PDB file of N, CA and C in Angstrom:
ATOM      1  N   UNK A   1      -3.982  -9.470 -23.762  1.00  0.00           N
ATOM      2  CA  UNK A   1      -3.244  -9.879 -22.588  1.00  0.00           C
ATOM      3  C   UNK A   1      -3.519  -8.898 -21.459  1.00  0.00           C
ATOM      4  N   UNK A   2      -3.747  -9.418 -20.248  1.00  0.00           N
ATOM      5  CA  UNK A   2      -4.051  -8.581 -19.094  1.00  0.00           C
ATOM      6  C   UNK A   2      -2.812  -7.811 -18.647  1.00  0.00           C
ATOM      7  N   UNK A   3      -3.049  -6.564 -18.243  1.00  0.00           N
ATOM      8  CA  UNK A   3      -1.951  -5.720 -17.776  1.00  0.00           C
ATOM      9  C   UNK A   3      -1.578  -6.117 -16.352  1.00  0.00           C
ATOM     10  N   UNK A   4      -0.283  -6.285 -16.101  1.00  0.00           N
ATOM     11  CA  UNK A   4       0.189  -6.682 -14.782  1.00  0.00           C
ATOM     12  C   UNK A   4       0.124  -5.489 -13.829  1.00  0.00           C
ATOM     13  N   UNK A   5      -0.454  -5.711 -12.646  1.00  0.00           N
ATOM     14  CA  UNK A   5      -0.548  -4.643 -11.656  1.00  0.00           C
ATOM     15  C   UNK A   5       0.831  -4.380 -11.066  1.00  0.00           C
ATOM     16  N   UNK A   6       1.116  -3.116 -10.760  1.00  0.00           N
ATOM     17  CA  UNK A   6       2.416  -2.809 -10.152  1.00  0.00           C
ATOM     18  C   UNK A   6       2.498  -3.395  -8.745  1.00  0.00           C
ATOM     19  N   UNK A   7       3.712  -3.662  -8.300  1.00  0.00           N
ATOM     20  CA  UNK A   7       3.904  -4.191  -6.954  1.00  0.00           C
ATOM     21  C   UNK A   7       3.609  -3.105  -5.923  1.00  0.00           C
ATOM     22  N   UNK A   8       3.503  -3.495  -4.678  1.00  0.00           N
ATOM     23  CA  UNK A   8       3.277  -2.543  -3.593  1.00  0.00           C
ATOM     24  C   UNK A   8       4.389  -1.491  -3.586  1.00  0.00           C
ATOM     25  N   UNK A   9       5.618  -1.943  -3.729  1.00  0.00           N
ATOM     26  CA  UNK A   9       6.766  -1.043  -3.694  1.00  0.00           C
ATOM     27  C   UNK A   9       6.744  -0.056  -4.864  1.00  0.00           C
ATOM     28  N   UNK A  10       6.375  -0.544  -6.046  1.00  0.00           N
ATOM     29  CA  UNK A  10       6.275   0.333  -7.212  1.00  0.00           C
ATOM     30  C   UNK A  10       5.169   1.373  -7.015  1.00  0.00           C
ATOM     31  N   UNK A  11       4.042   0.929  -6.485  1.00  0.00           N
ATOM     32  CA  UNK A  11       2.926   1.840  -6.243  1.00  0.00           C
ATOM     33  C   UNK A  11       3.296   2.894  -5.209  1.00  0.00           C
ATOM     34  N   UNK A  12       3.970   2.484  -4.147  1.00  0.00           N
ATOM     35  CA  UNK A  12       4.388   3.446  -3.116  1.00  0.00           C
ATOM     36  C   UNK A  12       5.396   4.440  -3.686  1.00  0.00           C
ATOM     37  N   UNK A  13       6.303   3.966  -4.525  1.00  0.00           N
ATOM     38  CA  UNK A  13       7.279   4.848  -5.156  1.00  0.00           C
ATOM     39  C   UNK A  13       6.596   5.903  -6.010  1.00  0.00           C
ATOM     40  N   UNK A  14       5.637   5.474  -6.813  1.00  0.00           N
ATOM     41  CA  UNK A  14       4.905   6.419  -7.663  1.00  0.00           C
ATOM     42  C   UNK A  14       4.091   7.383  -6.805  1.00  0.00           C
ATOM     43  N   UNK A  15       3.501   6.882  -5.733  1.00  0.00           N
ATOM     44  CA  UNK A  15       2.725   7.731  -4.835  1.00  0.00           C
ATOM     45  C   UNK A  15       3.615   8.815  -4.218  1.00  0.00           C
ATOM     46  N   UNK A  16       4.836   8.450  -3.847  1.00  0.00           N
ATOM     47  CA  UNK A  16       5.781   9.435  -3.315  1.00  0.00           C
ATOM     48  C   UNK A  16       6.121  10.490  -4.364  1.00  0.00           C
ATOM     49  N   UNK A  17       6.280  10.059  -5.624  1.00  0.00           N
ATOM     50  CA  UNK A  17       6.544  11.006  -6.711  1.00  0.00           C
ATOM     51  C   UNK A  17       5.390  11.989  -6.858  1.00  0.00           C
ATOM     52  N   UNK A  18       4.173  11.473  -6.811  1.00  0.00           N
ATOM     53  CA  UNK A  18       2.986  12.312  -6.965  1.00  0.00           C
ATOM     54  C   UNK A  18       2.900  13.331  -5.834  1.00  0.00           C
ATOM     55  N   UNK A  19       3.134  12.885  -4.612  1.00  0.00           N
ATOM     56  CA  UNK A  19       3.096  13.798  -3.463  1.00  0.00           C
ATOM     57  C   UNK A  19       4.120  14.908  -3.634  1.00  0.00           C
ATOM     58  N   UNK A  20       5.320  14.553  -4.055  1.00  0.00           N
ATOM     59  CA  UNK A  20       6.369  15.552  -4.274  1.00  0.00           C
ATOM     60  C   UNK A  20       5.939  16.574  -5.327  1.00  0.00           C
ATOM     61  N   UNK A  21       5.383  16.086  -6.438  1.00  0.00           N
ATOM     62  CA  UNK A  21       4.929  16.988  -7.499  1.00  0.00           C
ATOM     63  C   UNK A  21       3.823  17.916  -7.012  1.00  0.00           C
ATOM     64  N   UNK A  22       2.874  17.367  -6.263  1.00  0.00           N
ATOM     65  CA  UNK A  22       1.766  18.189  -5.775  1.00  0.00           C
ATOM     66  C   UNK A  22       2.230  19.180  -4.711  1.00  0.00           C
ATOM     67  N   UNK A  23       3.188  18.785  -3.879  1.00  0.00           N
ATOM     68  CA  UNK A  23       3.698  19.694  -2.846  1.00  0.00           C
ATOM     69  C   UNK A  23       4.438  20.883  -3.452  1.00  0.00           C
ATOM     70  N   UNK A  24       5.054  20.683  -4.609  1.00  0.00           N
ATOM     71  CA  UNK A  24       5.743  21.792  -5.278  1.00  0.00           C
ATOM     72  C   UNK A  24       4.754  22.888  -5.653  1.00  0.00           C
ATOM     73  N   UNK A  25       3.554  22.483  -6.018  1.00  0.00           N
ATOM     74  CA  UNK A  25       2.497  23.434  -6.306  1.00  0.00           C
ATOM     75  C   UNK A  25       2.603  24.153  -7.638  1.00  0.00           C
ATOM     76  N   UNK A  26       3.442  23.671  -8.538  1.00  0.00           N
ATOM     77  CA  UNK A  26       3.597  24.364  -9.817  1.00  0.00           C
ATOM     78  C   UNK A  26       2.908  23.648 -10.977  1.00  0.00           C
ATOM     79  N   UNK A  27       2.054  22.678 -10.663  1.00  0.00           N
ATOM     80  CA  UNK A  27       1.327  21.949 -11.695  1.00  0.00           C
ATOM     81  C   UNK A  27       0.085  22.732 -12.096  1.00  0.00           C
ATOM     82  N   UNK A  28      -0.245  22.777 -13.394  1.00  0.00           N
ATOM     83  CA  UNK A  28      -1.515  23.365 -13.811  1.00  0.00           C
ATOM     84  C   UNK A  28      -2.669  22.592 -13.162  1.00  0.00           C
ATOM     85  N   UNK A  29      -3.797  23.241 -12.989  1.00  0.00           N
ATOM     86  CA  UNK A  29      -4.932  22.645 -12.289  1.00  0.00           C
ATOM     87  C   UNK A  29      -5.324  21.289 -12.852  1.00  0.00           C
ATOM     88  N   UNK A  30      -5.450  21.180 -14.160  1.00  0.00           N
ATOM     89  CA  UNK A  30      -5.855  19.908 -14.778  1.00  0.00           C
ATOM     90  C   UNK A  30      -4.867  18.792 -14.453  1.00  0.00           C
ATOM     91  N   UNK A  31      -3.577  19.101 -14.530  1.00  0.00           N
ATOM     92  CA  UNK A  31      -2.558  18.098 -14.235  1.00  0.00           C
ATOM     93  C   UNK A  31      -2.550  17.737 -12.755  1.00  0.00           C
ATOM     94  N   UNK A  32      -2.744  18.730 -11.892  1.00  0.00           N
ATOM     95  CA  UNK A  32      -2.792  18.478 -10.455  1.00  0.00           C
ATOM     96  C   UNK A  32      -3.971  17.564 -10.118  1.00  0.00           C
ATOM     97  N   UNK A  33      -5.110  17.807 -10.739  1.00  0.00           N
ATOM     98  CA  UNK A  33      -6.281  16.947 -10.509  1.00  0.00           C
ATOM     99  C   UNK A  33      -6.027  15.533 -10.991  1.00  0.00           C
ATOM    100  N   UNK A  34      -5.389  15.407 -12.140  1.00  0.00           N
ATOM    101  CA  UNK A  34      -5.066  14.095 -12.687  1.00  0.00           C
ATOM    102  C   UNK A  34      -4.102  13.344 -11.756  1.00  0.00           C
ATOM    103  N   UNK A  35      -3.095  14.049 -11.264  1.00  0.00           N
ATOM    104  CA  UNK A  35      -2.144  13.439 -10.320  1.00  0.00           C
ATOM    105  C   UNK A  35      -2.848  13.030  -9.027  1.00  0.00           C
ATOM    106  N   UNK A  36      -3.750  13.891  -8.539  1.00  0.00           N
ATOM    107  CA  UNK A  36      -4.494  13.581  -7.330  1.00  0.00           C
ATOM    108  C   UNK A  36      -5.337  12.326  -7.516  1.00  0.00           C
ATOM    109  N   UNK A  37      -6.004  12.223  -8.660  1.00  0.00           N
ATOM    110  CA  UNK A  37      -6.815  11.030  -8.955  1.00  0.00           C
ATOM    111  C   UNK A  37      -5.945   9.785  -9.005  1.00  0.00           C
ATOM    112  N   UNK A  38      -4.797   9.879  -9.664  1.00  0.00           N
ATOM    113  CA  UNK A  38      -3.883   8.739  -9.740  1.00  0.00           C
ATOM    114  C   UNK A  38      -3.401   8.353  -8.345  1.00  0.00           C
ATOM    115  N   UNK A  39      -3.065   9.357  -7.541  1.00  0.00           N
ATOM    116  CA  UNK A  39      -2.603   9.101  -6.176  1.00  0.00           C
ATOM    117  C   UNK A  39      -3.661   8.434  -5.319  1.00  0.00           C
ATOM    118  N   UNK A  40      -4.902   8.883  -5.471  1.00  0.00           N
ATOM    119  CA  UNK A  40      -6.010   8.282  -4.720  1.00  0.00           C
ATOM    120  C   UNK A  40      -6.179   6.813  -5.099  1.00  0.00           C
ATOM    121  N   UNK A  41      -6.090   6.525  -6.376  1.00  0.00           N
ATOM    122  CA  UNK A  41      -6.211   5.133  -6.861  1.00  0.00           C
ATOM    123  C   UNK A  41      -5.069   4.275  -6.308  1.00  0.00           C
ATOM    124  N   UNK A  42      -3.845   4.809  -6.352  1.00  0.00           N
ATOM    125  CA  UNK A  42      -2.690   4.066  -5.828  1.00  0.00           C
ATOM    126  C   UNK A  42      -2.814   3.834  -4.325  1.00  0.00           C
ATOM    127  N   UNK A  43      -3.309   4.836  -3.606  1.00  0.00           N
ATOM    128  CA  UNK A  43      -3.480   4.697  -2.163  1.00  0.00           C
ATOM    129  C   UNK A  43      -4.466   3.571  -1.837  1.00  0.00           C
ATOM    130  N   UNK A  44      -5.547   3.499  -2.595  1.00  0.00           N
ATOM    131  CA  UNK A  44      -6.539   2.434  -2.372  1.00  0.00           C
ATOM    132  C   UNK A  44      -5.936   1.061  -2.674  1.00  0.00           C
ATOM    133  N   UNK A  45      -5.147   0.973  -3.765  1.00  0.00           N
ATOM    134  CA  UNK A  45      -4.502  -0.292  -4.107  1.00  0.00           C
ATOM    135  C   UNK A  45      -3.535  -0.724  -3.007  1.00  0.00           C
ATOM    136  N   UNK A  46      -2.732   0.215  -2.521  1.00  0.00           N
ATOM    137  CA  UNK A  46      -1.757  -0.100  -1.471  1.00  0.00           C
ATOM    138  C   UNK A  46      -2.465  -0.520  -0.187  1.00  0.00           C
ATOM    139  N   UNK A  47      -3.536   0.177   0.139  1.00  0.00           N
ATOM    140  CA  UNK A  47      -4.306  -0.170   1.339  1.00  0.00           C
ATOM    141  C   UNK A  47      -4.881  -1.581   1.227  1.00  0.00           C
ATOM    142  N   UNK A  48      -5.393  -1.927   0.053  1.00  0.00           N
ATOM    143  CA  UNK A  48      -5.951  -3.273  -0.160  1.00  0.00           C
ATOM    144  C   UNK A  48      -4.854  -4.332  -0.034  1.00  0.00           C
ATOM    145  N   UNK A  49      -3.668  -4.049  -0.582  1.00  0.00           N
ATOM    146  CA  UNK A  49      -2.561  -4.999  -0.478  1.00  0.00           C
ATOM    147  C   UNK A  49      -2.116  -5.178   0.970  1.00  0.00           C
ATOM    148  N   UNK A  50      -2.091  -4.085   1.728  1.00  0.00           N
ATOM    149  CA  UNK A  50      -1.723  -4.179   3.142  1.00  0.00           C
ATOM    150  C   UNK A  50      -2.763  -4.968   3.930  1.00  0.00           C
ATOM    151  N   UNK A  51      -4.049  -4.738   3.634  1.00  0.00           N
ATOM    152  CA  UNK A  51      -5.117  -5.498   4.299  1.00  0.00           C
ATOM    153  C   UNK A  51      -4.978  -6.987   4.010  1.00  0.00           C
ATOM    154  N   UNK A  52      -4.690  -7.317   2.756  1.00  0.00           N
ATOM    155  CA  UNK A  52      -4.530  -8.723   2.360  1.00  0.00           C
ATOM    156  C   UNK A  52      -3.337  -9.344   3.089  1.00  0.00           C
ATOM    157  N   UNK A  53      -2.240  -8.593   3.186  1.00  0.00           N
ATOM    158  CA  UNK A  53      -1.056  -9.103   3.885  1.00  0.00           C
ATOM    159  C   UNK A  53      -1.361  -9.310   5.365  1.00  0.00           C
ATOM    160  N   UNK A  54      -2.106  -8.385   5.960  1.00  0.00           N
ATOM    161  CA  UNK A  54      -2.462  -8.516   7.376  1.00  0.00           C
ATOM    162  C   UNK A  54      -3.314  -9.760   7.606  1.00  0.00           C
ATOM    163  N   UNK A  55      -4.270 -10.008   6.707  1.00  0.00           N
ATOM    164  CA  UNK A  55      -5.115 -11.194   6.827  1.00  0.00           C
ATOM    165  C   UNK A  55      -4.281 -12.472   6.717  1.00  0.00           C
ATOM    166  N   UNK A  56      -3.306 -12.457   5.839  1.00  0.00           N
ATOM    167  CA  UNK A  56      -2.445 -13.631   5.677  1.00  0.00           C
ATOM    168  C   UNK A  56      -1.617 -13.863   6.936  1.00  0.00           C
ATOM    169  N   UNK A  57      -1.085 -12.795   7.508  1.00  0.00           N
ATOM    170  CA  UNK A  57      -0.298 -12.919   8.741  1.00  0.00           C
ATOM    171  C   UNK A  57      -1.180 -13.447   9.868  1.00  0.00           C
ATOM    172  N   UNK A  58      -2.404 -12.924   9.973  1.00  0.00           N
ATOM    173  CA  UNK A  58      -3.321 -13.394  11.019  1.00  0.00           C
ATOM    174  C   UNK A  58      -3.626 -14.881  10.828  1.00  0.00           C
ATOM    175  N   UNK A  59      -3.805 -15.302   9.590  1.00  0.00           N
ATOM    176  CA  UNK A  59      -4.089 -16.706   9.310  1.00  0.00           C
ATOM    177  C   UNK A  59      -2.891 -17.574   9.692  1.00  0.00           C
ATOM    178  N   UNK A  60      -1.700 -17.101   9.374  1.00  0.00           N
ATOM    179  CA  UNK A  60      -0.496 -17.864   9.672  1.00  0.00           C
ATOM    180  C   UNK A  60      -0.193 -17.941  11.165  1.00  0.00           C
ATOM    181  N   UNK A  61      -0.695 -16.977  11.928  1.00  0.00           N
ATOM    182  CA  UNK A  61      -0.413 -16.966  13.361  1.00  0.00           C
ATOM    183  C   UNK A  61      -1.598 -17.455  14.196  1.00  0.00           C
ATOM    184  N   UNK A  62      -2.586 -18.082  13.564  1.00  0.00           N
ATOM    185  CA  UNK A  62      -3.745 -18.583  14.296  1.00  0.00           C
ATOM    186  C   UNK A  62      -3.396 -19.856  15.054  1.00  0.00           C
ATOM    187  N   UNK A  63      -4.053 -20.020  16.194  1.00  0.00           N
ATOM    188  CA  UNK A  63      -3.893 -21.256  16.977  1.00  0.00           C
ATOM    189  C   UNK A  63      -4.609 -22.393  16.258  1.00  0.00           C
ATOM    190  N   UNK A  64      -4.471 -23.590  16.757  1.00  0.00           N
ATOM    191  CA  UNK A  64      -5.075 -24.770  16.145  1.00  0.00           C
ATOM    192  C   UNK A  64      -6.596 -24.637  16.020  1.00  0.00           C
ATOM    193  N   UNK A  65      -7.232 -23.941  16.981  1.00  0.00           N
ATOM    194  CA  UNK A  65      -8.686 -23.781  16.933  1.00  0.00           C
ATOM    195  C   UNK A  65      -9.123 -22.628  16.019  1.00  0.00           C
ATOM    196  N   UNK A  66      -8.154 -21.983  15.351  1.00  0.00           N
ATOM    197  CA  UNK A  66      -8.469 -20.925  14.407  1.00  0.00           C
ATOM    198  C   UNK A  66      -8.494 -19.529  14.988  1.00  0.00           C
ATOM    199  N   UNK A  67      -8.367 -19.428  16.314  1.00  0.00           N
ATOM    200  CA  UNK A  67      -8.371 -18.122  16.961  1.00  0.00           C
ATOM    201  C   UNK A  67      -7.004 -17.469  16.766  1.00  0.00           C
ATOM    202  N   UNK A  68      -6.975 -16.244  16.228  1.00  0.00           N
ATOM    203  CA  UNK A  68      -5.686 -15.593  15.997  1.00  0.00           C
ATOM    204  C   UNK A  68      -4.939 -15.316  17.297  1.00  0.00           C
ATOM    205  N   UNK A  69      -3.635 -15.463  17.238  1.00  0.00           N
ATOM    206  CA  UNK A  69      -2.775 -15.143  18.368  1.00  0.00           C
ATOM    207  C   UNK A  69      -2.181 -13.768  18.092  1.00  0.00           C
ATOM    208  N   UNK A  70      -2.494 -12.798  18.947  1.00  0.00           N
ATOM    209  CA  UNK A  70      -1.938 -11.465  18.758  1.00  0.00           C
ATOM    210  C   UNK A  70      -0.704 -11.332  19.640  1.00  0.00           C
ATOM    211  N   UNK A  71       0.417 -11.061  18.986  1.00  0.00           N
ATOM    212  CA  UNK A  71       1.662 -10.868  19.718  1.00  0.00           C
ATOM    213  C   UNK A  71       2.314  -9.570  19.270  1.00  0.00           C
ATOM    214  N   UNK A  72       3.117  -9.016  20.139  1.00  0.00           N
ATOM    215  CA  UNK A  72       3.851  -7.798  19.829  1.00  0.00           C
ATOM    216  C   UNK A  72       4.897  -8.110  18.762  1.00  0.00           C
ATOM    217  N   UNK A  73       4.957  -7.286  17.716  1.00  0.00           N
ATOM    218  CA  UNK A  73       5.938  -7.488  16.660  1.00  0.00           C
ATOM    219  C   UNK A  73       7.291  -6.952  17.118  1.00  0.00           C
ATOM    220  N   UNK A  74       8.317  -7.737  16.902  1.00  0.00           N
ATOM    221  CA  UNK A  74       9.678  -7.309  17.202  1.00  0.00           C
ATOM    222  C   UNK A  74      10.498  -7.492  15.951  1.00  0.00           C
ATOM    223  N   UNK A  75      11.036  -6.402  15.375  1.00  0.00           N
ATOM    224  CA  UNK A  75      11.812  -6.522  14.148  1.00  0.00           C
ATOM    225  C   UNK A  75      12.983  -7.492  14.268  1.00  0.00           C
ATOM    226  N   UNK A  76      13.537  -7.668  15.453  1.00  0.00           N
ATOM    227  CA  UNK A  76      14.672  -8.561  15.623  1.00  0.00           C
ATOM    228  C   UNK A  76      14.269 -10.025  15.493  1.00  0.00           C
ATOM    229  N   UNK A  77      12.979 -10.336  15.668  1.00  0.00           N
ATOM    230  CA  UNK A  77      12.524 -11.720  15.551  1.00  0.00           C
ATOM    231  C   UNK A  77      12.638 -12.229  14.127  1.00  0.00           C
ATOM    232  N   UNK A  78      12.519 -11.341  13.150  1.00  0.00           N
ATOM    233  CA  UNK A  78      12.568 -11.749  11.752  1.00  0.00           C
ATOM    234  C   UNK A  78      13.956 -12.057  11.266  1.00  0.00           C
ATOM    235  N   UNK A  79      14.974 -11.692  12.005  1.00  0.00           N
ATOM    236  CA  UNK A  79      16.356 -11.897  11.571  1.00  0.00           C
ATOM    237  C   UNK A  79      16.918 -13.198  12.043  1.00  0.00           C
TER     238      UNK A  79
END
């Protein structure tokens, strides 16, 4: 059975944990390198998810002719 990928929120949470651990500076070198590698992988996954979400938003906001409409985002519009 395929392993389910963590959600964006789960990945960001783990990434924050890793940053906190590395900032403390008390990890042995091997563990620090392992955490850094894990963090790099999570960062790439999160970046890919954000890119995919941006593409979806652009597709949803395209005009009838397919040209994207760029508008200023206002958090109050979503409510």
